[in-house]
């Protein structure tokens, strides 16, 4: 008998309190091993590590433009211009571990 794994931690998202969700991500990220993938549903965000442990933010999903800030906070690899597009699947899945080239933020 297989049971569905439960998130290690959850957070209820409120659109006018994005900073609370970002603080939750920062605080709980240390409880997981290397982040491996992110699943974005219509109404929730799940972040998985290499052991398939995960945490979840409920109340926000890919239809919301606020999802961009949350995905950036966990270094998710995705296309910002199409993240809010509808899909016929239950969720959108992305890999984590985006890296920036050295000095990408420097002004030349």
Protein backbone atom coordinates (compact mmCIF):
# COMPACT_ATOMS: atom_id res chain seq x y z
CA UNK A 1 0.00 0.00 0.00
CA UNK A 2 1.57 3.27 -1.16
CA UNK A 3 0.68 6.55 0.49
CA UNK A 4 1.13 9.99 -0.98
CA UNK A 5 4.07 11.80 0.67
CA UNK A 6 3.18 14.86 2.72
CA UNK A 7 5.04 18.19 2.56
CA UNK A 8 7.58 18.87 5.29
CA UNK A 9 6.16 22.40 5.64
CA UNK A 10 3.31 24.42 4.12
CA UNK A 11 2.52 28.10 3.83
CA UNK A 12 -0.80 29.76 2.94
CA UNK A 13 -0.15 32.46 0.32
CA UNK A 14 -1.83 35.88 0.49
CA UNK A 15 -1.34 38.10 -2.61
CA UNK A 16 -0.72 41.25 -0.58
CA UNK A 17 1.94 39.50 1.57
CA UNK A 18 4.47 38.22 -0.95
CA UNK A 19 7.34 38.95 1.46
CA UNK A 20 5.92 36.36 3.91
CA UNK A 21 6.04 33.68 1.22
CA UNK A 22 9.60 34.66 0.28
CA UNK A 23 10.62 34.47 3.96
CA UNK A 24 9.01 31.01 4.18
CA UNK A 25 11.04 29.85 1.18
CA UNK A 26 14.25 31.21 2.65
CA UNK A 27 13.61 29.64 6.05
CA UNK A 28 12.52 26.18 4.83
CA UNK A 29 15.06 25.85 2.04
CA UNK A 30 17.71 24.95 4.60
CA UNK A 31 15.63 21.95 5.73
CA UNK A 32 15.97 20.25 2.34
CA UNK A 33 18.94 18.79 0.50
CA UNK A 34 19.87 20.12 -2.97
CA UNK A 35 16.75 21.34 -4.71
CA UNK A 36 15.89 19.23 -7.75
CA UNK A 37 12.52 20.24 -9.20
CA UNK A 38 9.57 22.55 -8.79
CA UNK A 39 5.97 21.77 -9.61
CA UNK A 40 3.58 24.65 -10.21
CA UNK A 41 -0.12 23.78 -10.06
CA UNK A 42 -3.02 26.18 -10.60
CA UNK A 43 -3.34 26.67 -6.85
CA UNK A 44 -0.02 25.63 -5.27
CA UNK A 45 3.75 25.51 -5.61
CA UNK A 46 5.83 22.49 -4.57
CA UNK A 47 9.64 22.48 -4.25
CA UNK A 48 11.36 19.04 -4.16
CA UNK A 49 14.87 18.03 -3.16
CA UNK A 50 16.96 15.06 -4.35
CA UNK A 51 15.28 12.77 -1.78
CA UNK A 52 11.78 13.76 -2.99
CA UNK A 53 11.10 15.60 0.28
CA UNK A 54 9.23 18.81 -0.44
CA UNK A 55 7.57 21.88 0.92
CA UNK A 56 4.53 23.66 -0.45
CA UNK A 57 2.98 27.09 -0.81
CA UNK A 58 -0.80 26.91 -1.15
CA UNK A 59 -2.99 29.56 -2.73
CA UNK A 60 -0.76 30.61 -5.65
CA UNK A 61 -0.09 28.93 -8.98
CA UNK A 62 0.96 29.48 -12.57
CA UNK A 63 -2.00 31.74 -13.50
CA UNK A 64 -0.65 34.41 -11.11
CA UNK A 65 2.19 36.75 -12.14
CA UNK A 66 3.41 36.64 -8.52
CA UNK A 67 4.66 33.10 -9.15
CA UNK A 68 7.68 34.60 -10.96
CA UNK A 69 9.08 36.03 -7.71
CA UNK A 70 8.64 32.71 -5.91
CA UNK A 71 10.26 30.69 -8.69
CA UNK A 72 13.20 33.08 -8.82
CA UNK A 73 13.68 32.70 -5.06
CA UNK A 74 14.41 28.97 -5.46
CA UNK A 75 16.47 29.28 -8.69
CA UNK A 76 13.93 27.57 -10.93
CA UNK A 77 14.68 27.27 -14.65
CA UNK A 78 11.63 28.49 -16.60
CA UNK A 79 10.54 30.95 -19.29
CA UNK A 80 9.04 34.01 -17.58
CA UNK A 81 7.06 35.06 -20.66
CA UNK A 82 5.11 31.77 -20.81
CA UNK A 83 4.83 30.78 -17.14
CA UNK A 84 1.23 32.02 -16.86
CA UNK A 85 0.03 30.25 -20.02
CA UNK A 86 -2.67 27.63 -19.51
CA UNK A 87 -1.82 23.95 -19.87
CA UNK A 88 -3.86 20.76 -20.22
CA UNK A 89 -1.70 18.99 -17.62
CA UNK A 90 -2.29 19.04 -13.87
CA UNK A 91 0.94 20.96 -13.22
CA UNK A 92 4.06 22.42 -14.82
CA UNK A 93 7.38 20.92 -13.74
CA UNK A 94 10.75 22.68 -13.87
CA UNK A 95 14.29 21.91 -12.77
CA UNK A 96 16.10 23.90 -10.12
CA UNK A 97 19.66 25.13 -10.03
CA UNK A 98 19.73 28.06 -12.42
CA UNK A 99 23.15 29.66 -12.48
CA UNK A 100 24.19 33.11 -13.62
CA UNK A 101 27.40 33.84 -15.51
CA UNK A 102 30.08 35.65 -13.55
CA UNK A 103 29.55 39.43 -13.53
CA UNK A 104 26.18 39.21 -15.31
CA UNK A 105 24.88 41.97 -13.06
CA UNK A 106 27.77 44.37 -13.67
CA UNK A 107 27.22 47.48 -15.73
CA UNK A 108 29.78 47.93 -18.47
